[in-house]
């Protein structure tokens, strides 16, 4: 995930933006720029792939947690285990869910139940929504937006295109939206909470066996601002 944030921020590190000469004259209150002016198509594709990998990694961590805890609790490796992610109490009680946590101790089952979406745990609901969309429809999409100030008085000819001008850029802000195909939300509102929630649950199990905390605490300032 940190690779994701770093690559996005590096992509926005540009000294100027290009615009059609006619657009500058016709938009006295503001000018619009295409994100393609700052990144390549490969960079944009890589961003969504990194988001997809992050979601897959979080779900895999939870599945491995239940697998290893089931082995410890029952005394041997068990098949058919997984981290259940259900949105209603009824779904928690159905046969497939019971089977997935069958070999956990009652205490450990309650720990897993306590972080279900129906228990009001927002990060778990977000993880289900985005990871299910990523698995069953298409890779999660990350939509970048830059906001910045331009110096209209500092416009100069774009050496790569005589029909365009370049404008000096300052006060750069990076905004990222993540979409599940139906709804888009700021990435900073969901990804850190999912990562911290998974880490906190892992730490709870690790502490029981005297293992050190993962020490993970992810916080994202929104929007990211380029230092002056």
C-alpha atoms as a PDB file:
ATOM      1  CA  UNK A   1       0.000   0.000   0.000  1.00  0.00           C
ATOM      2  CA  UNK A   2       2.790   2.429   0.778  1.00  0.00           C
ATOM      3  CA  UNK A   3       4.099   1.773  -2.730  1.00  0.00           C
ATOM      4  CA  UNK A   4       0.701   2.850  -3.988  1.00  0.00           C
ATOM      5  CA  UNK A   5       0.734   6.140  -2.103  1.00  0.00           C
ATOM      6  CA  UNK A   6       4.335   6.864  -3.017  1.00  0.00           C
ATOM      7  CA  UNK A   7       3.829   6.216  -6.718  1.00  0.00           C
ATOM      8  CA  UNK A   8       0.774   8.469  -6.798  1.00  0.00           C
ATOM      9  CA  UNK A   9       2.564  11.258  -5.005  1.00  0.00           C
ATOM     10  CA  UNK A  10       5.629  10.967  -7.198  1.00  0.00           C
ATOM     11  CA  UNK A  11       3.428  11.145 -10.281  1.00  0.00           C
ATOM     12  CA  UNK A  12       2.067  14.513  -9.118  1.00  0.00           C
ATOM     13  CA  UNK A  13       5.526  16.024  -8.676  1.00  0.00           C
ATOM     14  CA  UNK A  14       5.461  18.222 -11.760  1.00  0.00           C
ATOM     15  CA  UNK A  15       6.611  21.855 -12.090  1.00  0.00           C
ATOM     16  CA  UNK A  16       4.074  22.890 -14.732  1.00  0.00           C
ATOM     17  CA  UNK A  17       0.859  21.933 -16.513  1.00  0.00           C
ATOM     18  CA  UNK A  18       0.042  22.090 -20.221  1.00  0.00           C
ATOM     19  CA  UNK A  19      -3.106  23.693 -21.658  1.00  0.00           C
ATOM     20  CA  UNK A  20      -4.449  24.714 -25.042  1.00  0.00           C
ATOM     21  CA  UNK A  21      -3.747  28.374 -25.779  1.00  0.00           C
ATOM     22  CA  UNK A  22      -7.412  28.981 -26.608  1.00  0.00           C
ATOM     23  CA  UNK A  23      -8.571  27.440 -23.318  1.00  0.00           C
ATOM     24  CA  UNK A  24      -6.538  29.882 -21.251  1.00  0.00           C
ATOM     25  CA  UNK A  25      -8.222  32.814 -22.944  1.00  0.00           C
ATOM     26  CA  UNK A  26     -11.741  31.355 -22.747  1.00  0.00           C
ATOM     27  CA  UNK A  27     -11.676  30.313 -19.075  1.00  0.00           C
ATOM     28  CA  UNK A  28     -11.077  33.496 -17.057  1.00  0.00           C
ATOM     29  CA  UNK A  29     -12.127  31.945 -13.720  1.00  0.00           C
ATOM     30  CA  UNK A  30     -10.266  28.671 -13.954  1.00  0.00           C
ATOM     31  CA  UNK A  31      -8.686  26.132 -16.229  1.00  0.00           C
ATOM     32  CA  UNK A  32      -9.094  22.358 -16.361  1.00  0.00           C
ATOM     33  CA  UNK A  33      -6.392  19.771 -16.853  1.00  0.00           C
ATOM     34  CA  UNK A  34      -6.459  16.111 -17.728  1.00  0.00           C
ATOM     35  CA  UNK A  35      -4.803  13.674 -15.308  1.00  0.00           C
ATOM     36  CA  UNK A  36      -3.135  12.180 -18.383  1.00  0.00           C
ATOM     37  CA  UNK A  37      -1.017  15.328 -18.418  1.00  0.00           C
ATOM     38  CA  UNK A  38       0.758  13.985 -15.325  1.00  0.00           C
ATOM     39  CA  UNK A  39       0.856  10.192 -15.666  1.00  0.00           C
ATOM     40  CA  UNK A  40       1.223   7.460 -18.228  1.00  0.00           C
ATOM     41  CA  UNK A  41      -1.477   4.891 -18.952  1.00  0.00           C
ATOM     42  CA  UNK A  42       0.793   2.238 -17.401  1.00  0.00           C
ATOM     43  CA  UNK A  43       1.046   4.209 -14.155  1.00  0.00           C
ATOM     44  CA  UNK A  44      -2.736   4.514 -13.946  1.00  0.00           C
ATOM     45  CA  UNK A  45      -3.163   0.788 -14.575  1.00  0.00           C
ATOM     46  CA  UNK A  46      -0.514  -0.032 -11.980  1.00  0.00           C
ATOM     47  CA  UNK A  47      -2.340   2.023  -9.353  1.00  0.00           C
ATOM     48  CA  UNK A  48      -5.492  -0.042  -9.644  1.00  0.00           C
ATOM     49  CA  UNK A  49      -3.485  -3.267  -9.637  1.00  0.00           C
ATOM     50  CA  UNK A  50      -1.740  -2.217  -6.431  1.00  0.00           C
ATOM     51  CA  UNK A  51      -5.097  -1.482  -4.845  1.00  0.00           C
ATOM     52  CA  UNK A  52      -6.314  -4.917  -5.913  1.00  0.00           C
ATOM     53  CA  UNK A  53      -3.225  -6.568  -4.427  1.00  0.00           C
ATOM     54  CA  UNK A  54      -3.739  -4.728  -1.142  1.00  0.00           C
ATOM     55  CA  UNK A  55      -7.316  -5.982  -0.856  1.00  0.00           C
ATOM     56  CA  UNK A  56      -6.282  -9.529  -1.693  1.00  0.00           C
ATOM     57  CA  UNK A  57      -3.501  -9.368   0.896  1.00  0.00           C
ATOM     58  CA  UNK A  58      -5.864  -8.237   3.654  1.00  0.00           C
ATOM     59  CA  UNK A  59      -8.394 -10.994   2.950  1.00  0.00           C
ATOM     60  CA  UNK A  60      -5.597 -13.574   2.782  1.00  0.00           C
ATOM     61  CA  UNK A  61      -4.255 -12.433   6.174  1.00  0.00           C
ATOM     62  CA  UNK A  62      -7.671 -12.994   7.732  1.00  0.00           C
ATOM     63  CA  UNK A  63      -8.087 -16.416   6.127  1.00  0.00           C
ATOM     64  CA  UNK A  64      -4.635 -17.494   7.333  1.00  0.00           C
ATOM     65  CA  UNK A  65      -5.452 -16.191  10.798  1.00  0.00           C
ATOM     66  CA  UNK A  66      -8.489 -18.467  11.065  1.00  0.00           C
ATOM     67  CA  UNK A  67      -6.569 -21.401   9.594  1.00  0.00           C
ATOM     68  CA  UNK A  68      -3.679 -21.107  12.053  1.00  0.00           C
ATOM     69  CA  UNK A  69      -5.939 -20.424  15.037  1.00  0.00           C
ATOM     70  CA  UNK A  70      -8.040 -23.479  14.120  1.00  0.00           C
ATOM     71  CA  UNK A  71      -4.906 -25.615  14.025  1.00  0.00           C
ATOM     72  CA  UNK A  72      -3.777 -24.358  17.423  1.00  0.00           C
ATOM     73  CA  UNK A  73      -7.193 -24.714  19.015  1.00  0.00           C
ATOM     74  CA  UNK A  74      -7.921 -28.201  17.686  1.00  0.00           C
ATOM     75  CA  UNK A  75      -4.425 -29.633  17.752  1.00  0.00           C
ATOM     76  CA  UNK A  76      -3.987 -30.270  14.040  1.00  0.00           C
ATOM     77  CA  UNK A  77      -4.372 -28.651  10.611  1.00  0.00           C
ATOM     78  CA  UNK A  78      -7.960 -28.415   9.396  1.00  0.00           C
ATOM     79  CA  UNK A  79      -9.460 -27.958   5.948  1.00  0.00           C
ATOM     80  CA  UNK A  80     -12.443 -25.792   5.070  1.00  0.00           C
ATOM     81  CA  UNK A  81     -11.502 -22.914   7.336  1.00  0.00           C
ATOM     82  CA  UNK A  82     -11.739 -19.282   6.298  1.00  0.00           C
ATOM     83  CA  UNK A  83     -12.518 -15.876   7.723  1.00  0.00           C
ATOM     84  CA  UNK A  84     -16.286 -15.452   7.379  1.00  0.00           C
ATOM     85  CA  UNK A  85     -17.465 -12.022   6.349  1.00  0.00           C
ATOM     86  CA  UNK A  86     -21.214 -11.741   6.732  1.00  0.00           C
ATOM     87  CA  UNK A  87     -23.607  -8.857   6.959  1.00  0.00           C
ATOM     88  CA  UNK A  88     -26.423 -10.280   9.095  1.00  0.00           C
ATOM     89  CA  UNK A  89     -26.691 -12.320  12.315  1.00  0.00           C
ATOM     90  CA  UNK A  90     -28.678 -14.892  10.359  1.00  0.00           C
ATOM     91  CA  UNK A  91     -25.799 -15.377   7.925  1.00  0.00           C
ATOM     92  CA  UNK A  92     -23.435 -15.846  10.852  1.00  0.00           C
ATOM     93  CA  UNK A  93     -25.553 -18.739  12.096  1.00  0.00           C
ATOM     94  CA  UNK A  94     -25.914 -20.551   8.782  1.00  0.00           C
ATOM     95  CA  UNK A  95     -24.172 -23.808   8.013  1.00  0.00           C
ATOM     96  CA  UNK A  96     -21.352 -22.530   5.800  1.00  0.00           C
ATOM     97  CA  UNK A  97     -20.281 -19.895   8.323  1.00  0.00           C
ATOM     98  CA  UNK A  98     -20.365 -22.342  11.218  1.00  0.00           C
ATOM     99  CA  UNK A  99     -18.228 -24.746   9.212  1.00  0.00           C
ATOM    100  CA  UNK A 100     -15.567 -22.127   8.478  1.00  0.00           C
ATOM    101  CA  UNK A 101     -14.972 -21.423  12.191  1.00  0.00           C
ATOM    102  CA  UNK A 102     -15.879 -24.900  13.464  1.00  0.00           C
ATOM    103  CA  UNK A 103     -12.437 -25.662  14.885  1.00  0.00           C
ATOM    104  CA  UNK A 104     -11.945 -22.374  16.725  1.00  0.00           C
ATOM    105  CA  UNK A 105     -12.421 -22.171  20.473  1.00  0.00           C
ATOM    106  CA  UNK A 106     -15.609 -20.440  21.590  1.00  0.00           C
ATOM    107  CA  UNK A 107     -13.573 -17.420  22.688  1.00  0.00           C
ATOM    108  CA  UNK A 108     -11.855 -17.133  19.329  1.00  0.00           C
ATOM    109  CA  UNK A 109     -15.157 -17.490  17.495  1.00  0.00           C
ATOM    110  CA  UNK A 110     -16.483 -14.590  19.523  1.00  0.00           C
ATOM    111  CA  UNK A 111     -13.446 -12.502  18.535  1.00  0.00           C
ATOM    112  CA  UNK A 112     -14.193 -13.169  14.885  1.00  0.00           C
ATOM    113  CA  UNK A 113     -17.900 -12.467  15.384  1.00  0.00           C
ATOM    114  CA  UNK A 114     -17.118  -9.144  17.063  1.00  0.00           C
ATOM    115  CA  UNK A 115     -15.482  -7.787  13.884  1.00  0.00           C
ATOM    116  CA  UNK A 116     -18.266  -8.707  11.479  1.00  0.00           C
ATOM    117  CA  UNK A 117     -20.079  -6.004   9.491  1.00  0.00           C
ATOM    118  CA  UNK A 118     -23.359  -6.826  11.240  1.00  0.00           C
ATOM    119  CA  UNK A 119     -21.634  -6.016  14.537  1.00  0.00           C
ATOM    120  CA  UNK A 120     -21.158  -2.457  13.289  1.00  0.00           C
ATOM    121  CA  UNK A 121     -17.500  -2.785  12.266  1.00  0.00           C
ATOM    122  CA  UNK A 122     -17.184  -0.452   9.292  1.00  0.00           C
ATOM    123  CA  UNK A 123     -13.747  -1.597   8.105  1.00  0.00           C
ATOM    124  CA  UNK A 124     -14.972  -5.182   7.763  1.00  0.00           C
ATOM    125  CA  UNK A 125     -17.942  -4.089   5.673  1.00  0.00           C
ATOM    126  CA  UNK A 126     -15.713  -2.009   3.421  1.00  0.00           C
ATOM    127  CA  UNK A 127     -13.273  -4.886   3.002  1.00  0.00           C
ATOM    128  CA  UNK A 128     -16.068  -7.241   1.962  1.00  0.00           C
ATOM    129  CA  UNK A 129     -17.554  -4.747  -0.467  1.00  0.00           C
ATOM    130  CA  UNK A 130     -14.342  -3.817  -2.240  1.00  0.00           C
ATOM    131  CA  UNK A 131     -12.694  -7.222  -2.212  1.00  0.00           C
ATOM    132  CA  UNK A 132     -15.830  -8.980  -3.486  1.00  0.00           C
ATOM    133  CA  UNK A 133     -16.139  -6.467  -6.316  1.00  0.00           C
ATOM    134  CA  UNK A 134     -12.449  -6.936  -7.062  1.00  0.00           C
ATOM    135  CA  UNK A 135     -12.801 -10.733  -7.212  1.00  0.00           C
ATOM    136  CA  UNK A 136     -16.088 -11.060  -9.067  1.00  0.00           C
ATOM    137  CA  UNK A 137     -16.271  -8.095 -11.444  1.00  0.00           C
ATOM    138  CA  UNK A 138     -13.023  -6.307 -12.238  1.00  0.00           C
ATOM    139  CA  UNK A 139      -9.975  -4.955 -10.447  1.00  0.00           C
ATOM    140  CA  UNK A 140     -10.818  -2.192  -8.010  1.00  0.00           C
ATOM    141  CA  UNK A 141     -10.437   1.199  -9.677  1.00  0.00           C
ATOM    142  CA  UNK A 142      -8.484   4.051  -8.152  1.00  0.00           C
ATOM    143  CA  UNK A 143      -9.344   7.440  -9.594  1.00  0.00           C
ATOM    144  CA  UNK A 144      -6.733  10.168  -9.047  1.00  0.00           C
ATOM    145  CA  UNK A 145      -7.476  13.890  -8.995  1.00  0.00           C
ATOM    146  CA  UNK A 146      -5.017  16.729  -8.658  1.00  0.00           C
ATOM    147  CA  UNK A 147      -5.851  20.182  -7.404  1.00  0.00           C
ATOM    148  CA  UNK A 148      -3.351  22.993  -7.650  1.00  0.00           C
ATOM    149  CA  UNK A 149      -2.860  26.652  -8.366  1.00  0.00           C
ATOM    150  CA  UNK A 150      -1.418  27.869 -11.627  1.00  0.00           C
ATOM    151  CA  UNK A 151       0.280  31.156 -12.396  1.00  0.00           C
ATOM    152  CA  UNK A 152      -1.586  32.470 -15.426  1.00  0.00           C
ATOM    153  CA  UNK A 153       0.859  35.342 -15.725  1.00  0.00           C
ATOM    154  CA  UNK A 154       3.769  32.920 -15.878  1.00  0.00           C
ATOM    155  CA  UNK A 155       2.529  31.080 -19.000  1.00  0.00           C
ATOM    156  CA  UNK A 156       5.161  30.138 -21.533  1.00  0.00           C
ATOM    157  CA  UNK A 157       5.233  28.231 -24.813  1.00  0.00           C
ATOM    158  CA  UNK A 158       5.062  24.452 -24.545  1.00  0.00           C
ATOM    159  CA  UNK A 159       8.215  23.274 -26.326  1.00  0.00           C
ATOM    160  CA  UNK A 160       6.528  20.002 -27.329  1.00  0.00           C
ATOM    161  CA  UNK A 161       3.390  21.567 -28.881  1.00  0.00           C
ATOM    162  CA  UNK A 162       3.163  25.053 -30.421  1.00  0.00           C
ATOM    163  CA  UNK A 163      -0.610  25.097 -29.859  1.00  0.00           C
ATOM    164  CA  UNK A 164      -0.239  24.793 -26.094  1.00  0.00           C
ATOM    165  CA  UNK A 165       1.087  26.777 -23.152  1.00  0.00           C
ATOM    166  CA  UNK A 166       2.653  25.619 -19.938  1.00  0.00           C
ATOM    167  CA  UNK A 167       1.694  27.158 -16.588  1.00  0.00           C
ATOM    168  CA  UNK A 168       3.779  26.980 -13.378  1.00  0.00           C
ATOM    169  CA  UNK A 169       2.099  24.805 -10.704  1.00  0.00           C
ATOM    170  CA  UNK A 170       1.990  25.333  -6.915  1.00  0.00           C
ATOM    171  CA  UNK A 171      -0.016  24.179  -3.853  1.00  0.00           C
ATOM    172  CA  UNK A 172      -0.494  20.698  -5.300  1.00  0.00           C
ATOM    173  CA  UNK A 173      -3.093  18.449  -3.631  1.00  0.00           C
ATOM    174  CA  UNK A 174      -3.639  14.801  -4.505  1.00  0.00           C
ATOM    175  CA  UNK A 175      -7.067  13.222  -4.075  1.00  0.00           C
ATOM    176  CA  UNK A 176      -7.748   9.514  -4.622  1.00  0.00           C
ATOM    177  CA  UNK A 177     -11.132   7.871  -4.956  1.00  0.00           C
ATOM    178  CA  UNK A 178     -11.645   4.124  -4.829  1.00  0.00           C
ATOM    179  CA  UNK A 179     -14.683   2.581  -6.492  1.00  0.00           C
ATOM    180  CA  UNK A 180     -16.325  -0.828  -6.291  1.00  0.00           C
ATOM    181  CA  UNK A 181     -18.066  -0.273  -9.618  1.00  0.00           C
ATOM    182  CA  UNK A 182     -21.113   1.310  -8.007  1.00  0.00           C
ATOM    183  CA  UNK A 183     -19.911   3.839  -5.459  1.00  0.00           C
ATOM    184  CA  UNK A 184     -16.744   5.902  -5.080  1.00  0.00           C
ATOM    185  CA  UNK A 185     -15.308   7.047  -1.747  1.00  0.00           C
ATOM    186  CA  UNK A 186     -12.047   8.732  -0.743  1.00  0.00           C
ATOM    187  CA  UNK A 187      -9.361   6.072  -0.419  1.00  0.00           C
ATOM    188  CA  UNK A 188      -8.172   7.734   2.786  1.00  0.00           C
ATOM    189  CA  UNK A 189     -11.586   7.026   4.365  1.00  0.00           C
ATOM    190  CA  UNK A 190     -11.439   3.250   3.912  1.00  0.00           C
ATOM    191  CA  UNK A 191      -7.999   1.737   3.238  1.00  0.00           C
ATOM    192  CA  UNK A 192      -6.225   2.846   6.459  1.00  0.00           C
ATOM    193  CA  UNK A 193      -9.159   1.646   8.579  1.00  0.00           C
ATOM    194  CA  UNK A 194      -9.141  -1.749   6.842  1.00  0.00           C
ATOM    195  CA  UNK A 195      -5.388  -2.149   7.330  1.00  0.00           C
ATOM    196  CA  UNK A 196      -5.474  -1.055  10.961  1.00  0.00           C
ATOM    197  CA  UNK A 197      -8.503  -3.231  11.690  1.00  0.00           C
ATOM    198  CA  UNK A 198      -6.877  -6.358  10.277  1.00  0.00           C
ATOM    199  CA  UNK A 199      -3.640  -5.598  12.128  1.00  0.00           C
ATOM    200  CA  UNK A 200      -5.483  -5.085  15.441  1.00  0.00           C
ATOM    201  CA  UNK A 201      -7.239  -8.454  15.111  1.00  0.00           C
ATOM    202  CA  UNK A 202      -3.962 -10.198  14.264  1.00  0.00           C
ATOM    203  CA  UNK A 203      -2.303  -8.558  17.273  1.00  0.00           C
ATOM    204  CA  UNK A 204      -5.076  -9.825  19.549  1.00  0.00           C
ATOM    205  CA  UNK A 205      -4.328 -13.419  18.568  1.00  0.00           C
ATOM    206  CA  UNK A 206      -0.560 -12.856  18.614  1.00  0.00           C
ATOM    207  CA  UNK A 207      -0.650 -11.416  22.160  1.00  0.00           C
ATOM    208  CA  UNK A 208      -2.358 -14.556  23.421  1.00  0.00           C
ATOM    209  CA  UNK A 209       0.731 -16.544  22.436  1.00  0.00           C
ATOM    210  CA  UNK A 210       3.277 -14.006  23.636  1.00  0.00           C
ATOM    211  CA  UNK A 211       4.113 -12.804  20.136  1.00  0.00           C
ATOM    212  CA  UNK A 212       5.012  -9.134  19.622  1.00  0.00           C
ATOM    213  CA  UNK A 213       2.612  -6.636  18.122  1.00  0.00           C
ATOM    214  CA  UNK A 214       2.884  -5.973  14.412  1.00  0.00           C
ATOM    215  CA  UNK A 215       3.186  -2.311  15.331  1.00  0.00           C
ATOM    216  CA  UNK A 216       1.132  -1.243  12.323  1.00  0.00           C
ATOM    217  CA  UNK A 217      -0.706   2.060  12.400  1.00  0.00           C
ATOM    218  CA  UNK A 218      -1.610   3.562   9.044  1.00  0.00           C
ATOM    219  CA  UNK A 219      -2.815   7.131   8.786  1.00  0.00           C
ATOM    220  CA  UNK A 220      -3.337   9.062   5.584  1.00  0.00           C
ATOM    221  CA  UNK A 221      -3.739  12.806   5.532  1.00  0.00           C
ATOM    222  CA  UNK A 222      -6.308  13.858   2.989  1.00  0.00           C
ATOM    223  CA  UNK A 223      -5.617  15.378   0.659  1.00  0.00           C
ATOM    224  CA  UNK A 224      -1.870  14.919   0.272  1.00  0.00           C
ATOM    225  CA  UNK A 225      -0.222  18.302  -0.156  1.00  0.00           C
ATOM    226  CA  UNK A 226       3.034  18.973  -1.906  1.00  0.00           C
ATOM    227  CA  UNK A 227       5.489  20.763   0.362  1.00  0.00           C
ATOM    228  CA  UNK A 228       6.434  24.232  -0.799  1.00  0.00           C
END
